[in-house]
Amino acid sequence: MRFTNTQQKVSTSTLLMAFGVILTFIMSSAAQAKDYRMSTAIGSTTKNTLVKPVDLSGISATTHEIALMQVLAEVCPGLISSHLRPKFARAYQTKLHQLMPTVSNPDNAMRYLYTQKEYRRVHTNIKNWTLSYSRAENRAMCEELATTQF
């Protein structure tokens, strides 16, 4: 089958190949953007930092609790007002330290956890669950965390 443009004919295979190239570029860009948002949310300063294993044996928090905090760090900054973002960041760091009191650097622990396949599965499920709520409900939850007194 051939599609006809006003000036030239383009074969289906050429269109599919072009679509494939564009889709690959978009997926690559989306993955890079996700990596950036992820690294920004959990405090990374360099993109290709070697992630070292972290001893998490002394924590009692579940992966679901930790993943929820990570999802909130990804979602909340875009939902709350700019004056609440610093408060949210402090509340997030405080909550991470509460969830992982024996870990010296919870941000490194979060980066390490994200390298683990099972944790990423839990993270994805928590994120999908969180995003199933309305924007207003998520904003209210984010604002509540930002204004929580620890």
C-alpha atoms as a PDB file:
ATOM      1  CA  MET A   1       0.000   0.000   0.000  1.00  0.00           C
ATOM      2  CA  ARG A   2       1.272   3.482  -0.791  1.00  0.00           C
ATOM      3  CA  PHE A   3       0.187   6.776   0.703  1.00  0.00           C
ATOM      4  CA  THR A   4       0.078   9.726  -1.587  1.00  0.00           C
ATOM      5  CA  ASN A   5       1.198  13.149  -0.524  1.00  0.00           C
ATOM      6  CA  THR A   6       0.549  16.096  -2.815  1.00  0.00           C
ATOM      7  CA  GLN A   7       4.219  16.065  -3.890  1.00  0.00           C
ATOM      8  CA  GLN A   8       5.526  12.531  -3.373  1.00  0.00           C
ATOM      9  CA  LYS A   9       4.651   8.933  -2.601  1.00  0.00           C
ATOM     10  CA  VAL A  10       5.815   7.366   0.646  1.00  0.00           C
ATOM     11  CA  SER A  11       5.737   3.626   1.252  1.00  0.00           C
ATOM     12  CA  THR A  12       4.231   2.107   4.375  1.00  0.00           C
ATOM     13  CA  SER A  13       7.579   0.605   5.344  1.00  0.00           C
ATOM     14  CA  THR A  14       9.225   4.057   5.172  1.00  0.00           C
ATOM     15  CA  LEU A  15       6.507   5.496   7.395  1.00  0.00           C
ATOM     16  CA  LEU A  16       6.861   2.636   9.867  1.00  0.00           C
ATOM     17  CA  MET A  17      10.633   3.058   9.936  1.00  0.00           C
ATOM     18  CA  ALA A  18      10.290   6.819  10.547  1.00  0.00           C
ATOM     19  CA  PHE A  19       7.695   6.148  13.235  1.00  0.00           C
ATOM     20  CA  GLY A  20      10.077   3.664  14.875  1.00  0.00           C
ATOM     21  CA  VAL A  21      12.913   6.199  14.901  1.00  0.00           C
ATOM     22  CA  ILE A  22      10.657   8.903  16.362  1.00  0.00           C
ATOM     23  CA  LEU A  23       9.214   6.503  18.950  1.00  0.00           C
ATOM     24  CA  THR A  24      12.707   5.401  19.982  1.00  0.00           C
ATOM     25  CA  PHE A  25      13.757   9.030  20.400  1.00  0.00           C
ATOM     26  CA  ILE A  26      10.644   9.853  22.444  1.00  0.00           C
ATOM     27  CA  MET A  27      11.062   6.789  24.667  1.00  0.00           C
ATOM     28  CA  SER A  28      14.738   7.607  25.217  1.00  0.00           C
ATOM     29  CA  SER A  29      13.895  11.211  26.081  1.00  0.00           C
ATOM     30  CA  ALA A  30      11.114  10.090  28.409  1.00  0.00           C
ATOM     31  CA  ALA A  31      13.460   7.663  30.174  1.00  0.00           C
ATOM     32  CA  GLN A  32      16.079  10.385  30.583  1.00  0.00           C
ATOM     33  CA  ALA A  33      13.439  12.782  31.922  1.00  0.00           C
ATOM     34  CA  LYS A  34      12.228  10.128  34.370  1.00  0.00           C
ATOM     35  CA  ASP A  35      15.817   9.487  35.500  1.00  0.00           C
ATOM     36  CA  TYR A  36      16.273  13.231  36.015  1.00  0.00           C
ATOM     37  CA  ARG A  37      13.022  13.592  37.981  1.00  0.00           C
ATOM     38  CA  MET A  38      13.927  10.527  40.018  1.00  0.00           C
ATOM     39  CA  SER A  39      17.439  11.749  40.781  1.00  0.00           C
ATOM     40  CA  THR A  40      16.132  15.219  41.604  1.00  0.00           C
ATOM     41  CA  ALA A  41      13.422  13.834  43.860  1.00  0.00           C
ATOM     42  CA  ILE A  42      15.852  11.763  45.908  1.00  0.00           C
ATOM     43  CA  GLY A  43      18.646  14.282  46.023  1.00  0.00           C
ATOM     44  CA  SER A  44      21.143  13.056  43.457  1.00  0.00           C
ATOM     45  CA  THR A  45      23.630  15.645  42.280  1.00  0.00           C
ATOM     46  CA  THR A  46      25.162  13.667  39.450  1.00  0.00           C
ATOM     47  CA  LYS A  47      23.396  11.547  36.909  1.00  0.00           C
ATOM     48  CA  ASN A  48      25.705   8.570  36.481  1.00  0.00           C
ATOM     49  CA  THR A  49      26.769   8.101  40.073  1.00  0.00           C
ATOM     50  CA  LEU A  50      27.720   4.563  41.026  1.00  0.00           C
ATOM     51  CA  VAL A  51      25.067   3.328  43.441  1.00  0.00           C
ATOM     52  CA  LYS A  52      26.620   1.358  46.281  1.00  0.00           C
ATOM     53  CA  PRO A  53      24.666  -1.266  48.213  1.00  0.00           C
ATOM     54  CA  VAL A  54      23.226  -0.044  51.498  1.00  0.00           C
ATOM     55  CA  ASP A  55      22.653  -2.161  54.595  1.00  0.00           C
ATOM     56  CA  LEU A  56      18.943  -1.917  55.263  1.00  0.00           C
ATOM     57  CA  SER A  57      18.783  -4.740  57.786  1.00  0.00           C
ATOM     58  CA  GLY A  58      18.212  -2.382  60.721  1.00  0.00           C
ATOM     59  CA  ILE A  59      15.085  -0.698  59.417  1.00  0.00           C
ATOM     60  CA  SER A  60      11.538  -1.733  60.193  1.00  0.00           C
ATOM     61  CA  ALA A  61       9.796   0.238  57.458  1.00  0.00           C
ATOM     62  CA  THR A  62       8.260  -1.737  54.631  1.00  0.00           C
ATOM     63  CA  THR A  63       9.225  -1.247  51.006  1.00  0.00           C
ATOM     64  CA  HIS A  64       5.671   0.028  50.481  1.00  0.00           C
ATOM     65  CA  GLU A  65       6.161   2.816  53.020  1.00  0.00           C
ATOM     66  CA  ILE A  66       9.500   3.787  51.516  1.00  0.00           C
ATOM     67  CA  ALA A  67       8.133   3.629  47.962  1.00  0.00           C
ATOM     68  CA  LEU A  68       5.210   5.847  48.957  1.00  0.00           C
ATOM     69  CA  MET A  69       7.619   8.493  50.220  1.00  0.00           C
ATOM     70  CA  GLN A  70       9.581   8.279  46.990  1.00  0.00           C
ATOM     71  CA  VAL A  71       6.408   8.602  44.905  1.00  0.00           C
ATOM     72  CA  LEU A  72       5.347  11.629  46.933  1.00  0.00           C
ATOM     73  CA  ALA A  73       8.775  13.186  46.325  1.00  0.00           C
ATOM     74  CA  GLU A  74       8.206  12.740  42.600  1.00  0.00           C
ATOM     75  CA  VAL A  75       4.582  13.885  42.502  1.00  0.00           C
ATOM     76  CA  CYS A  76       4.192  16.564  45.167  1.00  0.00           C
ATOM     77  CA  PRO A  77       6.548  19.318  43.997  1.00  0.00           C
ATOM     78  CA  GLY A  78       4.422  19.780  40.883  1.00  0.00           C
ATOM     79  CA  LEU A  79       1.194  19.891  42.869  1.00  0.00           C
ATOM     80  CA  ILE A  80       1.968  22.228  45.725  1.00  0.00           C
ATOM     81  CA  SER A  81       2.655  25.944  45.766  1.00  0.00           C
ATOM     82  CA  SER A  82       6.226  27.169  45.599  1.00  0.00           C
ATOM     83  CA  HIS A  83       6.164  28.425  49.202  1.00  0.00           C
ATOM     84  CA  LEU A  84       5.308  24.905  50.443  1.00  0.00           C
ATOM     85  CA  ARG A  85       8.062  23.125  48.482  1.00  0.00           C
ATOM     86  CA  PRO A  86      10.853  23.835  51.008  1.00  0.00           C
ATOM     87  CA  LYS A  87       8.565  22.674  53.819  1.00  0.00           C
ATOM     88  CA  PHE A  88       7.747  19.548  51.848  1.00  0.00           C
ATOM     89  CA  ALA A  89      11.463  18.859  51.263  1.00  0.00           C
ATOM     90  CA  ARG A  90      12.163  19.135  55.003  1.00  0.00           C
ATOM     91  CA  ALA A  91       9.185  16.937  55.869  1.00  0.00           C
ATOM     92  CA  TYR A  92      10.288  14.382  53.272  1.00  0.00           C
ATOM     93  CA  GLN A  93      13.835  14.237  54.688  1.00  0.00           C
ATOM     94  CA  THR A  94      12.493  13.994  58.250  1.00  0.00           C
ATOM     95  CA  LYS A  95      10.142  11.174  57.295  1.00  0.00           C
ATOM     96  CA  LEU A  96      12.944   9.327  55.468  1.00  0.00           C
ATOM     97  CA  HIS A  97      15.091   9.509  58.599  1.00  0.00           C
ATOM     98  CA  GLN A  98      12.153   8.179  60.632  1.00  0.00           C
ATOM     99  CA  LEU A  99      11.621   5.311  58.212  1.00  0.00           C
ATOM    100  CA  MET A 100      15.339   4.484  58.061  1.00  0.00           C
ATOM    101  CA  PRO A 101      16.842   5.572  61.402  1.00  0.00           C
ATOM    102  CA  THR A 102      19.875   3.286  61.150  1.00  0.00           C
ATOM    103  CA  VAL A 103      20.809   4.430  57.642  1.00  0.00           C
ATOM    104  CA  SER A 104      23.342   7.255  57.598  1.00  0.00           C
ATOM    105  CA  ASN A 105      22.255   8.584  54.199  1.00  0.00           C
ATOM    106  CA  PRO A 106      18.618   7.812  53.317  1.00  0.00           C
ATOM    107  CA  ASP A 107      19.016   9.448  49.876  1.00  0.00           C
ATOM    108  CA  ASN A 108      21.690   6.887  48.985  1.00  0.00           C
ATOM    109  CA  ALA A 109      19.441   4.153  50.309  1.00  0.00           C
ATOM    110  CA  MET A 110      16.632   5.375  48.059  1.00  0.00           C
ATOM    111  CA  ARG A 111      18.940   5.348  45.036  1.00  0.00           C
ATOM    112  CA  TYR A 112      20.106   1.850  45.940  1.00  0.00           C
ATOM    113  CA  LEU A 113      16.565   0.565  46.420  1.00  0.00           C
ATOM    114  CA  TYR A 114      15.593   1.904  43.012  1.00  0.00           C
ATOM    115  CA  THR A 115      18.233  -0.349  41.431  1.00  0.00           C
ATOM    116  CA  GLN A 116      16.385  -3.378  42.809  1.00  0.00           C
ATOM    117  CA  LYS A 117      13.808  -4.957  40.495  1.00  0.00           C
ATOM    118  CA  GLU A 118      11.338  -5.895  43.268  1.00  0.00           C
ATOM    119  CA  TYR A 119      11.459  -2.394  44.750  1.00  0.00           C
ATOM    120  CA  ARG A 120      10.835  -0.814  41.321  1.00  0.00           C
ATOM    121  CA  ARG A 121       7.786  -3.098  40.947  1.00  0.00           C
ATOM    122  CA  VAL A 122       6.440  -1.937  44.320  1.00  0.00           C
ATOM    123  CA  HIS A 123       7.281   1.680  43.431  1.00  0.00           C
ATOM    124  CA  THR A 124       5.374   1.411  40.135  1.00  0.00           C
ATOM    125  CA  ASN A 125       2.332  -0.091  41.869  1.00  0.00           C
ATOM    126  CA  ILE A 126       2.346   2.617  44.550  1.00  0.00           C
ATOM    127  CA  LYS A 127       2.740   5.338  41.923  1.00  0.00           C
ATOM    128  CA  ASN A 128      -0.158   3.977  39.850  1.00  0.00           C
ATOM    129  CA  TRP A 129      -2.284   3.757  42.990  1.00  0.00           C
ATOM    130  CA  THR A 130      -1.370   7.321  44.013  1.00  0.00           C
ATOM    131  CA  LEU A 131      -2.082   8.708  40.559  1.00  0.00           C
ATOM    132  CA  SER A 132      -5.473   6.961  40.493  1.00  0.00           C
ATOM    133  CA  TYR A 133      -6.665   9.644  42.932  1.00  0.00           C
ATOM    134  CA  SER A 134      -7.672  13.065  41.708  1.00  0.00           C
ATOM    135  CA  ARG A 135      -5.178  15.891  41.442  1.00  0.00           C
ATOM    136  CA  ALA A 136      -7.006  17.708  44.252  1.00  0.00           C
ATOM    137  CA  GLU A 137      -6.804  14.676  46.564  1.00  0.00           C
ATOM    138  CA  ASN A 138      -3.094  14.240  45.844  1.00  0.00           C
ATOM    139  CA  ARG A 139      -2.474  17.964  46.377  1.00  0.00           C
ATOM    140  CA  ALA A 140      -4.247  17.799  49.736  1.00  0.00           C
ATOM    141  CA  MET A 141      -2.126  14.815  50.778  1.00  0.00           C
ATOM    142  CA  CYS A 142       1.062  16.615  49.684  1.00  0.00           C
ATOM    143  CA  GLU A 143       0.076  19.805  51.503  1.00  0.00           C
ATOM    144  CA  GLU A 144      -0.708  17.795  54.629  1.00  0.00           C
ATOM    145  CA  LEU A 145       2.744  16.206  54.581  1.00  0.00           C
ATOM    146  CA  ALA A 146       4.383  19.587  53.933  1.00  0.00           C
ATOM    147  CA  THR A 147       2.653  21.155  56.933  1.00  0.00           C
ATOM    148  CA  THR A 148       3.069  18.201  59.316  1.00  0.00           C
ATOM    149  CA  GLN A 149       4.951  19.051  62.486  1.00  0.00           C
ATOM    150  CA  PHE A 150       7.538  16.412  63.354  1.00  0.00           C
END
